[in-house]
Amino acid sequence: MKRTNRKRVVFLDEFNYRGELIGILQGKQGVYVEILSKVIEQLDACISTYKRVLVHRFDLHPTYYTPTNILMSKFVDRLKKWIKRNYGINKIGYIWVREQERSKQQHYHLAIFLDGNKIQHPKKLNAQIKEMWTALGHMPVIRNPYYFIDNNNYKVRRLDAIYRVSYLAKVRGKGCRDPQAKDYGSSRLHV
């Protein structure tokens, strides 16, 4: 394990989370322990709250560089308010990461964890995210961006979702930011 940007990095294809070995993406290139732990923690908090959880993964690309993440914080707040108003969901889990590699501006990878009984399919949600983001940049299409986790498929689908969302924890692309900006942000739900 190595430290970079005050975060611990692991280089394995499996992550030991509280004694549970979980398969992850990008392990050989390095993932941040803190980000990966936050993904699992927030997902598990939603799983303990809802009988069925929707995990929805998407990316957002702003049209211009911003030295801080205020743009993302305001966007997430607006999205949470819209979800509460339209679906009546109060406990919303999420995580976002900021990355910048060769482009002039940063981009964001996000995952949200919602009550899957209130949102049967994320088509309307995805359309709203895209509409809300259009003035700020573009939202690329991601294939198969969602998972539903319930009691019947919990063991397999939870691991599938963590594997997919573990991409957000990769080291590559992080750290190219102003000192006051963070590499990630998340909800603060508790199990």
N, C-alpha and C. Protein backbone atom coordinates (compact mmCIF):
# COMPACT_ATOMS: atom_id res chain seq x y z
N MET A 1 0.84 -1.17 0.00
CA MET A 1 0.00 0.00 0.00
C MET A 1 0.89 1.24 0.00
N LYS A 2 0.52 2.22 -0.79
CA LYS A 2 1.30 3.43 -0.96
C LYS A 2 0.40 4.63 -0.68
N ARG A 3 0.95 5.75 -0.25
CA ARG A 3 0.17 6.97 -0.02
C ARG A 3 0.45 7.98 -1.12
N THR A 4 -0.61 8.62 -1.58
CA THR A 4 -0.48 9.70 -2.55
C THR A 4 -1.63 10.67 -2.31
N ASN A 5 -1.36 11.96 -2.36
CA ASN A 5 -2.38 12.98 -2.08
C ASN A 5 -3.06 12.73 -0.74
N ARG A 6 -2.30 12.24 0.26
CA ARG A 6 -2.82 11.93 1.60
C ARG A 6 -3.84 10.81 1.60
N LYS A 7 -3.94 10.08 0.51
CA LYS A 7 -4.86 8.94 0.45
C LYS A 7 -4.04 7.68 0.21
N ARG A 8 -4.55 6.57 0.74
CA ARG A 8 -3.87 5.29 0.57
C ARG A 8 -4.25 4.68 -0.78
N VAL A 9 -3.28 4.04 -1.42
CA VAL A 9 -3.48 3.41 -2.72
C VAL A 9 -3.18 1.93 -2.61
N VAL A 10 -4.06 1.10 -3.19
CA VAL A 10 -3.79 -0.34 -3.27
C VAL A 10 -3.72 -0.74 -4.74
N PHE A 11 -2.94 -1.77 -5.00
CA PHE A 11 -2.72 -2.26 -6.37
C PHE A 11 -3.12 -3.73 -6.46
N LEU A 12 -4.37 -4.02 -6.20
CA LEU A 12 -4.87 -5.39 -6.22
C LEU A 12 -6.18 -5.45 -6.98
N ASP A 13 -6.54 -6.64 -7.45
CA ASP A 13 -7.83 -6.83 -8.13
C ASP A 13 -8.95 -7.16 -7.15
N GLU A 14 -8.58 -7.32 -5.87
CA GLU A 14 -9.57 -7.55 -4.82
C GLU A 14 -9.29 -6.57 -3.69
N PHE A 15 -10.36 -6.09 -3.11
CA PHE A 15 -10.26 -5.11 -2.03
C PHE A 15 -10.84 -5.72 -0.77
N ASN A 16 -10.10 -5.63 0.32
CA ASN A 16 -10.56 -6.17 1.60
C ASN A 16 -11.32 -5.07 2.33
N TYR A 17 -12.65 -5.21 2.33
CA TYR A 17 -13.51 -4.25 3.02
C TYR A 17 -14.12 -4.93 4.23
N ARG A 18 -13.60 -4.60 5.40
CA ARG A 18 -14.08 -5.17 6.66
C ARG A 18 -14.12 -6.70 6.63
N GLY A 19 -13.07 -7.29 6.09
CA GLY A 19 -12.95 -8.74 6.06
C GLY A 19 -13.59 -9.41 4.85
N GLU A 20 -14.27 -8.65 4.01
CA GLU A 20 -14.91 -9.18 2.80
C GLU A 20 -14.03 -8.84 1.59
N LEU A 21 -13.65 -9.87 0.81
CA LEU A 21 -12.87 -9.61 -0.40
C LEU A 21 -13.82 -9.31 -1.55
N ILE A 22 -13.62 -8.14 -2.18
CA ILE A 22 -14.51 -7.66 -3.23
C ILE A 22 -13.68 -7.38 -4.48
N GLY A 23 -14.09 -7.94 -5.62
CA GLY A 23 -13.41 -7.69 -6.88
C GLY A 23 -13.60 -6.24 -7.32
N ILE A 24 -12.51 -5.63 -7.83
CA ILE A 24 -12.56 -4.23 -8.26
C ILE A 24 -11.89 -4.03 -9.61
N LEU A 25 -12.30 -2.97 -10.28
CA LEU A 25 -11.68 -2.55 -11.54
C LEU A 25 -10.43 -1.73 -11.26
N GLN A 26 -9.52 -1.68 -12.18
CA GLN A 26 -8.35 -0.80 -12.11
C GLN A 26 -7.40 -1.10 -10.97
N GLY A 27 -7.57 -2.21 -10.30
CA GLY A 27 -6.73 -2.53 -9.15
C GLY A 27 -5.25 -2.53 -9.45
N LYS A 28 -4.87 -3.08 -10.58
CA LYS A 28 -3.44 -3.15 -10.90
C LYS A 28 -2.84 -1.78 -11.19
N GLN A 29 -3.68 -0.82 -11.60
CA GLN A 29 -3.21 0.55 -11.84
C GLN A 29 -3.28 1.39 -10.57
N GLY A 30 -3.99 0.90 -9.58
CA GLY A 30 -4.10 1.59 -8.30
C GLY A 30 -5.45 2.24 -8.09
N VAL A 31 -5.99 2.02 -6.91
CA VAL A 31 -7.24 2.67 -6.51
C VAL A 31 -7.05 3.28 -5.12
N TYR A 32 -7.78 4.35 -4.87
CA TYR A 32 -7.75 4.99 -3.57
C TYR A 32 -8.66 4.25 -2.60
N VAL A 33 -8.10 3.84 -1.47
CA VAL A 33 -8.83 3.11 -0.45
C VAL A 33 -10.00 3.94 0.08
N GLU A 34 -9.76 5.23 0.34
CA GLU A 34 -10.79 6.08 0.92
C GLU A 34 -12.00 6.22 0.01
N ILE A 35 -11.77 6.38 -1.29
CA ILE A 35 -12.88 6.52 -2.24
C ILE A 35 -13.65 5.21 -2.36
N LEU A 36 -12.92 4.11 -2.50
CA LEU A 36 -13.56 2.80 -2.64
C LEU A 36 -14.36 2.45 -1.38
N SER A 37 -13.81 2.73 -0.22
CA SER A 37 -14.52 2.48 1.04
C SER A 37 -15.80 3.30 1.11
N LYS A 38 -15.74 4.54 0.65
CA LYS A 38 -16.92 5.42 0.67
C LYS A 38 -17.99 4.89 -0.27
N VAL A 39 -17.60 4.38 -1.44
CA VAL A 39 -18.57 3.78 -2.37
C VAL A 39 -19.34 2.66 -1.67
N ILE A 40 -18.60 1.73 -1.06
CA ILE A 40 -19.22 0.56 -0.43
C ILE A 40 -20.06 0.99 0.77
N GLU A 41 -19.54 1.89 1.57
CA GLU A 41 -20.25 2.37 2.76
C GLU A 41 -21.59 3.00 2.39
N GLN A 42 -21.59 3.88 1.39
CA GLN A 42 -22.83 4.57 1.01
C GLN A 42 -23.82 3.61 0.34
N LEU A 43 -23.32 2.68 -0.47
CA LEU A 43 -24.19 1.68 -1.08
C LEU A 43 -24.82 0.80 0.00
N ASP A 44 -24.01 0.32 0.94
CA ASP A 44 -24.53 -0.54 2.01
C ASP A 44 -25.53 0.19 2.90
N ALA A 45 -25.33 1.49 3.10
CA ALA A 45 -26.29 2.28 3.89
C ALA A 45 -27.64 2.30 3.19
N CYS A 46 -27.65 2.43 1.87
CA CYS A 46 -28.91 2.42 1.12
C CYS A 46 -29.53 1.02 1.11
N ILE A 47 -28.70 0.00 0.97
CA ILE A 47 -29.20 -1.38 0.97
C ILE A 47 -29.86 -1.70 2.32
N SER A 48 -29.32 -1.17 3.39
CA SER A 48 -29.90 -1.43 4.71
C SER A 48 -31.20 -0.64 4.92
N THR A 49 -31.43 0.38 4.10
CA THR A 49 -32.62 1.22 4.23
C THR A 49 -33.76 0.77 3.32
N TYR A 50 -33.43 0.42 2.08
CA TYR A 50 -34.45 0.12 1.07
C TYR A 50 -34.48 -1.37 0.74
N LYS A 51 -35.65 -1.87 0.41
CA LYS A 51 -35.79 -3.28 0.02
C LYS A 51 -35.18 -3.53 -1.35
N ARG A 52 -35.18 -2.50 -2.17
CA ARG A 52 -34.62 -2.59 -3.52
C ARG A 52 -33.86 -1.30 -3.78
N VAL A 53 -32.61 -1.41 -4.23
CA VAL A 53 -31.77 -0.23 -4.45
C VAL A 53 -31.42 -0.11 -5.93
N LEU A 54 -31.58 1.11 -6.44
CA LEU A 54 -31.14 1.44 -7.79
C LEU A 54 -29.76 2.08 -7.69
N VAL A 55 -28.79 1.51 -8.39
CA VAL A 55 -27.46 2.09 -8.51
C VAL A 55 -27.36 2.62 -9.92
N HIS A 56 -27.17 3.93 -10.05
CA HIS A 56 -27.12 4.56 -11.38
C HIS A 56 -25.79 5.29 -11.53
N ARG A 57 -25.06 4.95 -12.57
CA ARG A 57 -23.73 5.48 -12.83
C ARG A 57 -23.76 6.39 -14.05
N PHE A 58 -23.17 7.59 -13.97
CA PHE A 58 -23.13 8.51 -15.11
C PHE A 58 -21.91 9.42 -15.03
N ASP A 59 -21.60 10.07 -16.14
CA ASP A 59 -20.47 11.00 -16.23
C ASP A 59 -20.98 12.37 -16.64
N LEU A 60 -20.27 13.41 -16.19
CA LEU A 60 -20.60 14.79 -16.56
C LEU A 60 -19.32 15.52 -16.94
N HIS A 61 -19.37 16.20 -18.10
CA HIS A 61 -18.22 16.94 -18.60
C HIS A 61 -18.58 18.42 -18.71
N PRO A 62 -18.00 19.28 -17.86
CA PRO A 62 -18.28 20.70 -17.99
C PRO A 62 -17.60 21.27 -19.24
N THR A 63 -18.13 22.39 -19.74
CA THR A 63 -17.55 23.00 -20.94
C THR A 63 -16.33 23.86 -20.62
N TYR A 64 -16.14 24.16 -19.34
CA TYR A 64 -15.02 25.01 -18.96
C TYR A 64 -14.40 24.52 -17.65
N TYR A 65 -13.15 24.89 -17.43
CA TYR A 65 -12.43 24.49 -16.22
C TYR A 65 -12.93 25.31 -15.03
N THR A 66 -13.03 24.67 -13.89
CA THR A 66 -13.32 25.37 -12.64
C THR A 66 -12.28 24.94 -11.60
N PRO A 67 -11.72 25.89 -10.87
CA PRO A 67 -10.70 25.53 -9.88
C PRO A 67 -11.27 24.81 -8.66
N THR A 68 -12.57 24.97 -8.41
CA THR A 68 -13.20 24.32 -7.25
C THR A 68 -14.27 23.36 -7.76
N ASN A 69 -14.93 22.69 -6.83
CA ASN A 69 -16.01 21.77 -7.17
C ASN A 69 -17.38 22.34 -6.84
N ILE A 70 -17.48 23.65 -6.73
CA ILE A 70 -18.76 24.28 -6.41
C ILE A 70 -19.80 23.92 -7.46
N LEU A 71 -19.40 23.86 -8.72
CA LEU A 71 -20.29 23.47 -9.81
C LEU A 71 -20.93 22.11 -9.52
N MET A 72 -20.12 21.15 -9.10
CA MET A 72 -20.63 19.80 -8.82
C MET A 72 -21.49 19.79 -7.57
N SER A 73 -21.07 20.48 -6.53
CA SER A 73 -21.85 20.53 -5.28
C SER A 73 -23.24 21.11 -5.53
N LYS A 74 -23.31 22.19 -6.27
CA LYS A 74 -24.61 22.81 -6.58
C LYS A 74 -25.46 21.89 -7.46
N PHE A 75 -24.82 21.22 -8.41
CA PHE A 75 -25.56 20.30 -9.28
C PHE A 75 -26.15 19.15 -8.47
N VAL A 76 -25.36 18.55 -7.60
CA VAL A 76 -25.84 17.42 -6.79
C VAL A 76 -26.98 17.88 -5.88
N ASP A 77 -26.86 19.07 -5.31
CA ASP A 77 -27.95 19.59 -4.46
C ASP A 77 -29.23 19.76 -5.26
N ARG A 78 -29.13 20.31 -6.46
CA ARG A 78 -30.31 20.48 -7.32
C ARG A 78 -30.92 19.13 -7.68
N LEU A 79 -30.07 18.16 -8.02
CA LEU A 79 -30.54 16.83 -8.38
C LEU A 79 -31.24 16.16 -7.20
N LYS A 80 -30.66 16.26 -6.01
CA LYS A 80 -31.29 15.68 -4.82
C LYS A 80 -32.66 16.30 -4.55
N LYS A 81 -32.77 17.60 -4.69
CA LYS A 81 -34.06 18.28 -4.50
C LYS A 81 -35.08 17.79 -5.52
N TRP A 82 -34.65 17.62 -6.77
CA TRP A 82 -35.56 17.13 -7.82
C TRP A 82 -36.02 15.71 -7.51
N ILE A 83 -35.10 14.86 -7.08
CA ILE A 83 -35.45 13.47 -6.74
C ILE A 83 -36.43 13.43 -5.57
N LYS A 84 -36.18 14.24 -4.55
CA LYS A 84 -37.09 14.29 -3.39
C LYS A 84 -38.48 14.76 -3.82
N ARG A 85 -38.52 15.78 -4.65
CA ARG A 85 -39.80 16.36 -5.10
C ARG A 85 -40.56 15.40 -6.01
N ASN A 86 -39.88 14.72 -6.90
CA ASN A 86 -40.54 13.88 -7.90
C ASN A 86 -40.74 12.43 -7.49
N TYR A 87 -39.91 11.93 -6.60
CA TYR A 87 -40.01 10.52 -6.19
C TYR A 87 -40.28 10.34 -4.70
N GLY A 88 -40.16 11.39 -3.93
CA GLY A 88 -40.37 11.28 -2.49
C GLY A 88 -39.28 10.50 -1.78
N ILE A 89 -38.09 10.48 -2.34
CA ILE A 89 -36.96 9.77 -1.74
C ILE A 89 -36.15 10.76 -0.90
N ASN A 90 -36.03 10.48 0.37
CA ASN A 90 -35.30 11.40 1.26
C ASN A 90 -33.86 10.98 1.52
N LYS A 91 -33.63 9.68 1.55
CA LYS A 91 -32.28 9.17 1.81
C LYS A 91 -31.63 8.85 0.47
N ILE A 92 -30.73 9.72 0.04
CA ILE A 92 -30.08 9.59 -1.27
C ILE A 92 -28.58 9.39 -1.07
N GLY A 93 -28.09 8.26 -1.54
CA GLY A 93 -26.66 8.01 -1.47
C GLY A 93 -26.01 8.40 -2.79
N TYR A 94 -24.82 8.94 -2.73
CA TYR A 94 -24.11 9.30 -3.96
C TYR A 94 -22.61 9.41 -3.70
N ILE A 95 -21.87 9.35 -4.78
CA ILE A 95 -20.44 9.64 -4.76
C ILE A 95 -20.07 10.22 -6.11
N TRP A 96 -19.20 11.22 -6.11
CA TRP A 96 -18.67 11.77 -7.35
C TRP A 96 -17.16 11.90 -7.20
N VAL A 97 -16.48 11.81 -8.33
CA VAL A 97 -15.03 12.03 -8.35
C VAL A 97 -14.69 13.00 -9.47
N ARG A 98 -13.69 13.78 -9.21
CA ARG A 98 -13.19 14.76 -10.19
C ARG A 98 -11.93 14.19 -10.82
N GLU A 99 -11.86 14.26 -12.15
CA GLU A 99 -10.67 13.80 -12.86
C GLU A 99 -10.32 14.79 -13.96
N GLN A 100 -9.04 14.85 -14.25
CA GLN A 100 -8.55 15.66 -15.37
C GLN A 100 -7.25 15.04 -15.83
N GLU A 101 -7.21 14.70 -17.09
CA GLU A 101 -5.98 14.12 -17.61
C GLU A 101 -5.39 15.05 -18.67
N ARG A 102 -5.68 14.82 -19.93
CA ARG A 102 -5.09 15.62 -21.00
C ARG A 102 -5.96 16.80 -21.43
N SER A 103 -7.22 16.80 -21.06
CA SER A 103 -8.12 17.87 -21.50
C SER A 103 -7.88 19.14 -20.67
N LYS A 104 -8.42 20.25 -21.16
CA LYS A 104 -8.24 21.53 -20.47
C LYS A 104 -9.16 21.67 -19.26
N GLN A 105 -10.24 20.91 -19.23
CA GLN A 105 -11.15 21.00 -18.09
C GLN A 105 -11.35 19.63 -17.47
N GLN A 106 -11.81 19.65 -16.25
CA GLN A 106 -12.05 18.42 -15.52
C GLN A 106 -13.35 17.76 -16.01
N HIS A 107 -13.54 16.52 -15.60
CA HIS A 107 -14.82 15.85 -15.80
C HIS A 107 -15.13 15.09 -14.51
N TYR A 108 -16.37 14.66 -14.39
CA TYR A 108 -16.82 14.00 -13.17
C TYR A 108 -17.45 12.65 -13.50
N HIS A 109 -17.17 11.67 -12.64
CA HIS A 109 -17.84 10.38 -12.67
C HIS A 109 -18.72 10.34 -11.42
N LEU A 110 -19.96 9.88 -11.58
CA LEU A 110 -20.89 9.85 -10.45
C LEU A 110 -21.62 8.53 -10.37
N ALA A 111 -22.07 8.21 -9.16
CA ALA A 111 -22.98 7.09 -8.93
C ALA A 111 -23.94 7.54 -7.85
N ILE A 112 -25.23 7.24 -8.07
CA ILE A 112 -26.23 7.54 -7.04
C ILE A 112 -26.94 6.25 -6.66
N PHE A 113 -27.34 6.18 -5.40
CA PHE A 113 -27.98 5.00 -4.83
C PHE A 113 -29.34 5.43 -4.31
N LEU A 114 -30.41 4.87 -4.90
CA LEU A 114 -31.76 5.34 -4.61
C LEU A 114 -32.72 4.19 -4.30
N ASP A 115 -33.89 4.53 -3.79
CA ASP A 115 -34.95 3.56 -3.51
C ASP A 115 -35.46 2.99 -4.83
N GLY A 116 -35.14 1.74 -5.11
CA GLY A 116 -35.51 1.10 -6.36
C GLY A 116 -36.98 0.74 -6.47
N ASN A 117 -37.72 0.82 -5.38
CA ASN A 117 -39.16 0.61 -5.45
C ASN A 117 -39.88 1.86 -5.93
N LYS A 118 -39.28 3.02 -5.72
CA LYS A 118 -39.89 4.28 -6.17
C LYS A 118 -39.46 4.65 -7.58
N ILE A 119 -38.31 4.16 -7.99
CA ILE A 119 -37.84 4.39 -9.37
C ILE A 119 -37.71 3.02 -10.02
N GLN A 120 -38.65 2.67 -10.86
CA GLN A 120 -38.68 1.36 -11.50
C GLN A 120 -37.67 1.25 -12.64
N HIS A 121 -37.41 2.38 -13.28
CA HIS A 121 -36.44 2.42 -14.39
C HIS A 121 -35.86 3.84 -14.42
N PRO A 122 -34.55 4.00 -14.62
CA PRO A 122 -33.94 5.32 -14.53
C PRO A 122 -34.05 6.18 -15.79
N LYS A 123 -34.91 5.82 -16.75
CA LYS A 123 -35.00 6.60 -17.99
C LYS A 123 -35.36 8.07 -17.72
N LYS A 124 -36.41 8.30 -16.93
CA LYS A 124 -36.83 9.66 -16.60
C LYS A 124 -35.75 10.39 -15.80
N LEU A 125 -35.14 9.68 -14.85
CA LEU A 125 -34.07 10.25 -14.04
C LEU A 125 -32.89 10.66 -14.91
N ASN A 126 -32.49 9.79 -15.82
CA ASN A 126 -31.37 10.06 -16.71
C ASN A 126 -31.66 11.27 -17.60
N ALA A 127 -32.89 11.35 -18.11
CA ALA A 127 -33.29 12.49 -18.95
C ALA A 127 -33.22 13.79 -18.15
N GLN A 128 -33.62 13.74 -16.89
CA GLN A 128 -33.59 14.94 -16.06
C GLN A 128 -32.15 15.35 -15.76
N ILE A 129 -31.30 14.40 -15.47
CA ILE A 129 -29.89 14.71 -15.23
C ILE A 129 -29.30 15.40 -16.45
N LYS A 130 -29.56 14.83 -17.61
CA LYS A 130 -29.04 15.41 -18.85
C LYS A 130 -29.58 16.82 -19.07
N GLU A 131 -30.87 17.01 -18.84
CA GLU A 131 -31.48 18.34 -19.02
C GLU A 131 -30.88 19.35 -18.05
N MET A 132 -30.69 18.94 -16.80
CA MET A 132 -30.12 19.85 -15.80
C MET A 132 -28.66 20.20 -16.10
N TRP A 133 -27.94 19.29 -16.74
CA TRP A 133 -26.51 19.49 -16.99
C TRP A 133 -26.25 20.19 -18.32
N THR A 134 -27.18 20.18 -19.26
CA THR A 134 -26.96 20.67 -20.62
C THR A 134 -26.36 22.07 -20.66
N ALA A 135 -26.80 22.98 -19.82
CA ALA A 135 -26.28 24.35 -19.82
C ALA A 135 -24.84 24.41 -19.32
N LEU A 136 -24.39 23.38 -18.63
CA LEU A 136 -23.05 23.38 -18.03
C LEU A 136 -22.03 22.56 -18.82
N GLY A 137 -22.52 21.68 -19.70
CA GLY A 137 -21.61 20.83 -20.46
C GLY A 137 -22.36 19.70 -21.11
N HIS A 138 -21.70 18.57 -21.28
CA HIS A 138 -22.39 17.42 -21.89
C HIS A 138 -22.28 16.18 -21.00
N MET A 139 -23.20 15.28 -21.27
CA MET A 139 -23.27 14.03 -20.51
C MET A 139 -23.13 12.88 -21.50
N PRO A 140 -21.98 12.22 -21.53
CA PRO A 140 -21.81 11.11 -22.46
C PRO A 140 -22.71 9.93 -22.10
N VAL A 141 -23.01 9.12 -23.10
CA VAL A 141 -23.85 7.94 -22.89
C VAL A 141 -22.98 6.82 -22.32
N ILE A 142 -23.47 6.18 -21.28
CA ILE A 142 -22.79 5.04 -20.67
C ILE A 142 -23.67 3.82 -20.90
N ARG A 143 -23.07 2.77 -21.39
CA ARG A 143 -23.84 1.52 -21.62
C ARG A 143 -24.16 0.85 -20.29
N ASN A 144 -25.39 0.34 -20.21
CA ASN A 144 -25.85 -0.39 -19.02
C ASN A 144 -25.46 0.33 -17.73
N PRO A 145 -25.98 1.55 -17.54
CA PRO A 145 -25.51 2.36 -16.42
C PRO A 145 -26.15 2.08 -15.07
N TYR A 146 -27.02 1.09 -14.98
CA TYR A 146 -27.71 0.91 -13.70
C TYR A 146 -27.83 -0.55 -13.29
N TYR A 147 -28.02 -0.73 -11.98
CA TYR A 147 -28.22 -2.04 -11.36
C TYR A 147 -29.36 -1.91 -10.36
N PHE A 148 -30.14 -2.97 -10.22
CA PHE A 148 -31.12 -3.06 -9.14
C PHE A 148 -30.65 -4.16 -8.20
N ILE A 149 -30.59 -3.83 -6.92
CA ILE A 149 -30.16 -4.80 -5.91
C ILE A 149 -31.33 -5.03 -4.96
N ASP A 150 -31.70 -6.30 -4.76
CA ASP A 150 -32.75 -6.63 -3.80
C ASP A 150 -32.38 -7.92 -3.08
N ASN A 151 -33.28 -8.41 -2.24
CA ASN A 151 -33.00 -9.62 -1.45
C ASN A 151 -32.74 -10.85 -2.32
N ASN A 152 -33.37 -10.93 -3.49
CA ASN A 152 -33.22 -12.10 -4.36
C ASN A 152 -31.86 -12.16 -5.06
N ASN A 153 -31.26 -10.99 -5.34
CA ASN A 153 -30.01 -10.99 -6.10
C ASN A 153 -28.87 -10.30 -5.34
N TYR A 154 -29.08 -10.04 -4.06
CA TYR A 154 -28.17 -9.24 -3.25
C TYR A 154 -26.71 -9.63 -3.39
N LYS A 155 -26.40 -10.90 -3.19
CA LYS A 155 -25.00 -11.33 -3.17
C LYS A 155 -24.29 -11.05 -4.48
N VAL A 156 -24.95 -11.33 -5.60
CA VAL A 156 -24.31 -11.16 -6.91
C VAL A 156 -24.37 -9.71 -7.38
N ARG A 157 -25.54 -9.08 -7.34
CA ARG A 157 -25.70 -7.73 -7.89
C ARG A 157 -24.94 -6.67 -7.09
N ARG A 158 -24.87 -6.84 -5.78
CA ARG A 158 -24.11 -5.89 -4.97
C ARG A 158 -22.65 -5.91 -5.40
N LEU A 159 -22.09 -7.10 -5.57
CA LEU A 159 -20.70 -7.22 -6.01
C LEU A 159 -20.51 -6.69 -7.42
N ASP A 160 -21.49 -6.94 -8.31
CA ASP A 160 -21.43 -6.40 -9.67
C ASP A 160 -21.41 -4.87 -9.65
N ALA A 161 -22.30 -4.29 -8.84
CA ALA A 161 -22.39 -2.83 -8.76
C ALA A 161 -21.10 -2.23 -8.18
N ILE A 162 -20.58 -2.84 -7.13
CA ILE A 162 -19.33 -2.33 -6.53
C ILE A 162 -18.19 -2.43 -7.54
N TYR A 163 -18.12 -3.55 -8.26
CA TYR A 163 -17.09 -3.72 -9.28
C TYR A 163 -17.16 -2.58 -10.30
N ARG A 164 -18.36 -2.31 -10.78
CA ARG A 164 -18.55 -1.26 -11.80
C ARG A 164 -18.22 0.12 -11.25
N VAL A 165 -18.72 0.43 -10.06
CA VAL A 165 -18.53 1.76 -9.49
C VAL A 165 -17.11 1.94 -8.94
N SER A 166 -16.39 0.85 -8.72
CA SER A 166 -15.01 0.96 -8.22
C SER A 166 -14.12 1.72 -9.20
N TYR A 167 -14.56 1.85 -10.43
CA TYR A 167 -13.84 2.64 -11.44
C TYR A 167 -13.61 4.07 -10.94
N LEU A 168 -14.54 4.58 -10.15
CA LEU A 168 -14.43 5.94 -9.64
C LEU A 168 -13.23 6.11 -8.72
N ALA A 169 -12.76 5.03 -8.11
CA ALA A 169 -11.66 5.10 -7.14
C ALA A 169 -10.28 5.04 -7.79
N LYS A 170 -10.21 4.88 -9.10
CA LYS A 170 -8.90 4.74 -9.75
C LYS A 170 -8.03 5.97 -9.52
N VAL A 171 -6.73 5.76 -9.43
CA VAL A 171 -5.78 6.84 -9.17
C VAL A 171 -5.63 7.74 -10.39
N ARG A 172 -5.58 7.14 -11.57
CA ARG A 172 -5.34 7.89 -12.79
C ARG A 172 -6.36 9.03 -12.95
N GLY A 173 -5.87 10.22 -13.22
CA GLY A 173 -6.74 11.37 -13.46
C GLY A 173 -7.00 12.22 -12.23
N LYS A 174 -6.69 11.70 -11.06
CA LYS A 174 -6.93 12.45 -9.83
C LYS A 174 -5.70 13.31 -9.52
N GLY A 175 -5.90 14.32 -8.71
CA GLY A 175 -4.79 15.15 -8.27
C GLY A 175 -4.50 16.33 -9.18
N CYS A 176 -5.04 16.36 -10.40
CA CYS A 176 -4.85 17.50 -11.30
C CYS A 176 -5.93 18.53 -10.96
N ARG A 177 -5.68 19.28 -9.91
CA ARG A 177 -6.68 20.21 -9.40
C ARG A 177 -5.99 21.26 -8.56
N ASP A 178 -6.70 22.33 -8.26
CA ASP A 178 -6.17 23.34 -7.36
C ASP A 178 -6.17 22.77 -5.94
N PRO A 179 -5.30 23.27 -5.08
CA PRO A 179 -5.18 22.72 -3.72
C PRO A 179 -6.48 22.74 -2.92
N GLN A 180 -7.35 23.73 -3.15
CA GLN A 180 -8.59 23.83 -2.37
C GLN A 180 -9.68 22.89 -2.88
N ALA A 181 -9.50 22.31 -4.05
CA ALA A 181 -10.52 21.39 -4.60
C ALA A 181 -10.22 19.96 -4.14
N LYS A 182 -11.28 19.20 -3.95
CA LYS A 182 -11.13 17.80 -3.53
C LYS A 182 -11.28 16.89 -4.74
N ASP A 183 -10.74 15.67 -4.61
CA ASP A 183 -10.85 14.67 -5.67
C ASP A 183 -12.21 13.99 -5.69
N TYR A 184 -12.93 14.04 -4.57
CA TYR A 184 -14.23 13.35 -4.52
C TYR A 184 -15.12 13.96 -3.45
N GLY A 185 -16.39 13.63 -3.56
CA GLY A 185 -17.38 14.02 -2.56
C GLY A 185 -18.43 12.93 -2.49
N SER A 186 -19.11 12.83 -1.35
CA SER A 186 -20.11 11.78 -1.21
C SER A 186 -21.17 12.18 -0.19
N SER A 187 -22.25 11.40 -0.19
CA SER A 187 -23.27 11.54 0.83
C SER A 187 -22.68 11.05 2.15
N ARG A 188 -23.39 11.31 3.22
CA ARG A 188 -22.91 10.89 4.54
C ARG A 188 -23.96 10.05 5.25
N LEU A 189 -24.45 9.03 4.55
CA LEU A 189 -25.45 8.15 5.12
C LEU A 189 -24.79 7.15 6.07
N HIS A 190 -25.54 6.71 7.06
CA HIS A 190 -25.03 5.72 8.01
C HIS A 190 -25.90 4.49 8.03
N VAL A 191 -25.27 3.34 8.23
CA VAL A 191 -25.99 2.07 8.29
C VAL A 191 -26.72 1.98 9.60
